[in-house]
Amino acid sequence: TFERLCDLLFDRLGGSMYLLNQVGNDRGTQYRHGIYYHDAAQRAVAEEVLSRQERFTEVMTEIKPAMEFYDGEAYHQ
């Protein structure tokens, strides 16, 4: 489910969810983490999951509408 995917994101991010533009030791805007939704129902789920994570401090994970996705070149895979 979409909720499970959101939960997995926060599980994998660990303490990095509280850091802007950083995952572990990797830093920069290319390491910004986010949840990108396709409809109002997914947005509501994402906001609910994020609110559960923000019990103690603000989470830096962005929630935005999904945009067009571009596959990477084969040599990046």
N, C-alpha and C. Protein backbone atom coordinates (compact mmCIF):
# COMPACT_ATOMS: atom_id res chain seq x y z
N THR A 1 0.84 -1.20 0.00
CA THR A 1 0.00 0.00 0.00
C THR A 1 0.88 1.25 0.00
N PHE A 2 0.28 2.37 -0.35
CA PHE A 2 1.02 3.63 -0.34
C PHE A 2 1.48 3.97 1.09
N GLU A 3 0.63 3.67 2.07
CA GLU A 3 1.01 3.92 3.47
C GLU A 3 2.25 3.11 3.85
N ARG A 4 2.29 1.87 3.44
CA ARG A 4 3.45 1.01 3.74
C ARG A 4 4.72 1.56 3.08
N LEU A 5 4.59 2.05 1.85
CA LEU A 5 5.75 2.65 1.18
C LEU A 5 6.26 3.86 1.95
N CYS A 6 5.33 4.68 2.43
CA CYS A 6 5.73 5.86 3.21
C CYS A 6 6.42 5.44 4.51
N ASP A 7 5.84 4.44 5.18
CA ASP A 7 6.46 3.93 6.41
C ASP A 7 7.86 3.39 6.13
N LEU A 8 8.03 2.67 5.02
CA LEU A 8 9.35 2.14 4.67
C LEU A 8 10.36 3.25 4.43
N LEU A 9 9.92 4.34 3.81
CA LEU A 9 10.83 5.46 3.59
C LEU A 9 11.39 5.96 4.92
N PHE A 10 10.52 6.19 5.88
CA PHE A 10 10.99 6.70 7.17
C PHE A 10 11.82 5.67 7.92
N ASP A 11 11.48 4.41 7.76
CA ASP A 11 12.26 3.35 8.38
C ASP A 11 13.69 3.35 7.84
N ARG A 12 13.82 3.52 6.52
CA ARG A 12 15.15 3.51 5.89
C ARG A 12 15.93 4.80 6.16
N LEU A 13 15.21 5.92 6.25
CA LEU A 13 15.90 7.20 6.50
C LEU A 13 16.46 7.28 7.91
N GLY A 14 15.80 6.68 8.86
CA GLY A 14 16.25 6.77 10.24
C GLY A 14 16.37 8.22 10.68
N GLY A 15 17.45 8.57 11.33
CA GLY A 15 17.68 9.93 11.81
C GLY A 15 17.84 10.96 10.72
N SER A 16 18.09 10.51 9.48
CA SER A 16 18.25 11.45 8.38
C SER A 16 16.96 12.18 8.05
N MET A 17 15.81 11.66 8.49
CA MET A 17 14.54 12.32 8.18
C MET A 17 14.47 13.71 8.80
N TYR A 18 15.31 13.98 9.79
CA TYR A 18 15.31 15.28 10.46
C TYR A 18 16.31 16.25 9.84
N LEU A 19 17.02 15.81 8.81
CA LEU A 19 18.06 16.62 8.19
C LEU A 19 17.63 17.06 6.80
N LEU A 20 17.82 18.32 6.48
CA LEU A 20 17.48 18.83 5.16
C LEU A 20 18.63 18.55 4.21
N ASN A 21 18.32 17.98 3.06
CA ASN A 21 19.30 17.72 2.00
C ASN A 21 20.44 16.82 2.47
N GLN A 22 20.10 15.81 3.26
CA GLN A 22 21.13 14.89 3.74
C GLN A 22 20.52 13.53 4.04
N VAL A 23 21.22 12.49 3.62
CA VAL A 23 20.89 11.11 3.97
C VAL A 23 22.19 10.47 4.41
N GLY A 24 22.27 10.12 5.68
CA GLY A 24 23.52 9.60 6.22
C GLY A 24 24.61 10.64 6.10
N ASN A 25 25.75 10.25 5.54
CA ASN A 25 26.86 11.19 5.36
C ASN A 25 26.81 11.93 4.03
N ASP A 26 25.84 11.59 3.18
CA ASP A 26 25.72 12.22 1.86
C ASP A 26 24.93 13.50 1.99
N ARG A 27 25.47 14.59 1.44
CA ARG A 27 24.84 15.90 1.59
C ARG A 27 24.71 16.60 0.25
N GLY A 28 23.69 17.42 0.13
CA GLY A 28 23.45 18.19 -1.07
C GLY A 28 21.99 18.07 -1.49
N THR A 29 21.55 18.97 -2.35
CA THR A 29 20.15 18.96 -2.75
C THR A 29 19.74 17.67 -3.47
N GLN A 30 20.69 16.97 -4.05
CA GLN A 30 20.37 15.70 -4.72
C GLN A 30 20.00 14.61 -3.71
N TYR A 31 20.22 14.86 -2.42
CA TYR A 31 19.87 13.90 -1.38
C TYR A 31 18.62 14.31 -0.61
N ARG A 32 17.86 15.26 -1.16
CA ARG A 32 16.59 15.66 -0.53
C ARG A 32 15.62 14.49 -0.62
N HIS A 33 14.98 14.18 0.48
CA HIS A 33 14.03 13.07 0.49
C HIS A 33 12.60 13.62 0.49
N GLY A 34 11.72 12.86 -0.16
CA GLY A 34 10.35 13.33 -0.27
C GLY A 34 9.37 12.22 -0.55
N ILE A 35 8.12 12.55 -0.37
CA ILE A 35 7.00 11.69 -0.74
C ILE A 35 6.24 12.45 -1.82
N TYR A 36 6.04 11.81 -2.95
CA TYR A 36 5.39 12.46 -4.08
C TYR A 36 4.09 11.72 -4.39
N TYR A 37 2.98 12.41 -4.25
CA TYR A 37 1.66 11.79 -4.36
C TYR A 37 1.01 12.05 -5.71
N HIS A 38 0.04 11.19 -6.06
CA HIS A 38 -0.67 11.30 -7.33
C HIS A 38 -2.11 11.78 -7.18
N ASP A 39 -2.65 11.74 -5.97
CA ASP A 39 -4.02 12.20 -5.77
C ASP A 39 -4.22 12.62 -4.31
N ALA A 40 -5.39 13.14 -4.02
CA ALA A 40 -5.68 13.66 -2.68
C ALA A 40 -5.61 12.57 -1.61
N ALA A 41 -6.01 11.36 -1.96
CA ALA A 41 -5.96 10.26 -0.99
C ALA A 41 -4.51 9.95 -0.60
N GLN A 42 -3.62 9.91 -1.58
CA GLN A 42 -2.21 9.65 -1.27
C GLN A 42 -1.62 10.80 -0.47
N ARG A 43 -2.01 12.02 -0.78
CA ARG A 43 -1.50 13.17 -0.01
C ARG A 43 -1.92 13.05 1.45
N ALA A 44 -3.17 12.68 1.69
CA ALA A 44 -3.65 12.52 3.07
C ALA A 44 -2.88 11.44 3.80
N VAL A 45 -2.60 10.33 3.12
CA VAL A 45 -1.83 9.25 3.73
C VAL A 45 -0.42 9.73 4.06
N ALA A 46 0.22 10.43 3.11
CA ALA A 46 1.58 10.92 3.33
C ALA A 46 1.64 11.87 4.51
N GLU A 47 0.67 12.76 4.61
CA GLU A 47 0.65 13.72 5.72
C GLU A 47 0.41 13.02 7.05
N GLU A 48 -0.43 11.99 7.06
CA GLU A 48 -0.68 11.23 8.28
C GLU A 48 0.59 10.50 8.73
N VAL A 49 1.26 9.84 7.80
CA VAL A 49 2.49 9.12 8.13
C VAL A 49 3.56 10.10 8.63
N LEU A 50 3.69 11.22 7.97
CA LEU A 50 4.66 12.23 8.39
C LEU A 50 4.34 12.75 9.79
N SER A 51 3.07 12.98 10.08
CA SER A 51 2.70 13.49 11.40
C SER A 51 3.05 12.50 12.51
N ARG A 52 2.98 11.20 12.21
CA ARG A 52 3.39 10.20 13.22
C ARG A 52 4.88 10.28 13.49
N GLN A 53 5.67 10.69 12.48
CA GLN A 53 7.12 10.78 12.64
C GLN A 53 7.52 12.07 13.38
N GLU A 54 6.66 13.06 13.36
CA GLU A 54 6.99 14.36 13.94
C GLU A 54 6.57 14.47 15.41
N ARG A 55 6.64 13.40 16.12
CA ARG A 55 6.26 13.43 17.54
C ARG A 55 7.15 14.34 18.36
N PHE A 56 8.44 14.37 18.02
CA PHE A 56 9.39 15.09 18.86
C PHE A 56 10.03 16.29 18.18
N THR A 57 10.19 16.22 16.88
CA THR A 57 10.83 17.32 16.15
C THR A 57 10.37 17.30 14.69
N GLU A 58 10.59 18.41 14.01
CA GLU A 58 10.14 18.55 12.63
C GLU A 58 10.91 17.61 11.70
N VAL A 59 10.17 16.97 10.82
CA VAL A 59 10.77 16.10 9.80
C VAL A 59 10.99 16.93 8.54
N MET A 60 12.13 16.77 7.89
CA MET A 60 12.48 17.56 6.72
C MET A 60 12.05 16.91 5.40
N THR A 61 11.36 15.79 5.45
CA THR A 61 10.89 15.12 4.24
C THR A 61 9.80 15.96 3.59
N GLU A 62 9.98 16.29 2.31
CA GLU A 62 8.97 17.10 1.63
C GLU A 62 7.84 16.23 1.10
N ILE A 63 6.65 16.81 1.03
CA ILE A 63 5.49 16.16 0.44
C ILE A 63 5.01 17.07 -0.67
N LYS A 64 5.08 16.54 -1.91
CA LYS A 64 4.73 17.35 -3.09
C LYS A 64 4.01 16.47 -4.11
N PRO A 65 3.27 17.12 -5.03
CA PRO A 65 2.64 16.34 -6.10
C PRO A 65 3.71 15.68 -6.98
N ALA A 66 3.40 14.47 -7.43
CA ALA A 66 4.31 13.79 -8.36
C ALA A 66 4.31 14.53 -9.69
N MET A 67 5.47 14.60 -10.28
CA MET A 67 5.60 15.23 -11.59
C MET A 67 6.03 14.16 -12.59
N GLU A 68 6.27 14.56 -13.81
CA GLU A 68 6.70 13.61 -14.82
C GLU A 68 8.02 12.97 -14.40
N PHE A 69 8.12 11.67 -14.59
CA PHE A 69 9.30 10.91 -14.21
C PHE A 69 10.10 10.56 -15.45
N TYR A 70 11.38 10.72 -15.39
CA TYR A 70 12.26 10.39 -16.51
C TYR A 70 13.18 9.25 -16.09
N ASP A 71 13.19 8.19 -16.86
CA ASP A 71 14.11 7.08 -16.59
C ASP A 71 15.55 7.57 -16.79
N GLY A 72 16.44 7.04 -15.97
CA GLY A 72 17.85 7.34 -16.14
C GLY A 72 18.43 6.58 -17.32
N GLU A 73 19.54 7.04 -17.81
CA GLU A 73 20.20 6.33 -18.90
C GLU A 73 20.64 4.97 -18.42
N ALA A 74 20.74 4.03 -19.32
CA ALA A 74 21.06 2.64 -18.97
C ALA A 74 22.38 2.55 -18.19
N TYR A 75 23.36 3.39 -18.52
CA TYR A 75 24.65 3.28 -17.84
C TYR A 75 24.59 3.76 -16.38
N HIS A 76 23.48 4.36 -15.96
CA HIS A 76 23.31 4.75 -14.56
C HIS A 76 22.63 3.66 -13.73
N GLN A 77 22.17 2.63 -14.39
CA GLN A 77 21.38 1.60 -13.69
C GLN A 77 22.27 0.54 -13.08
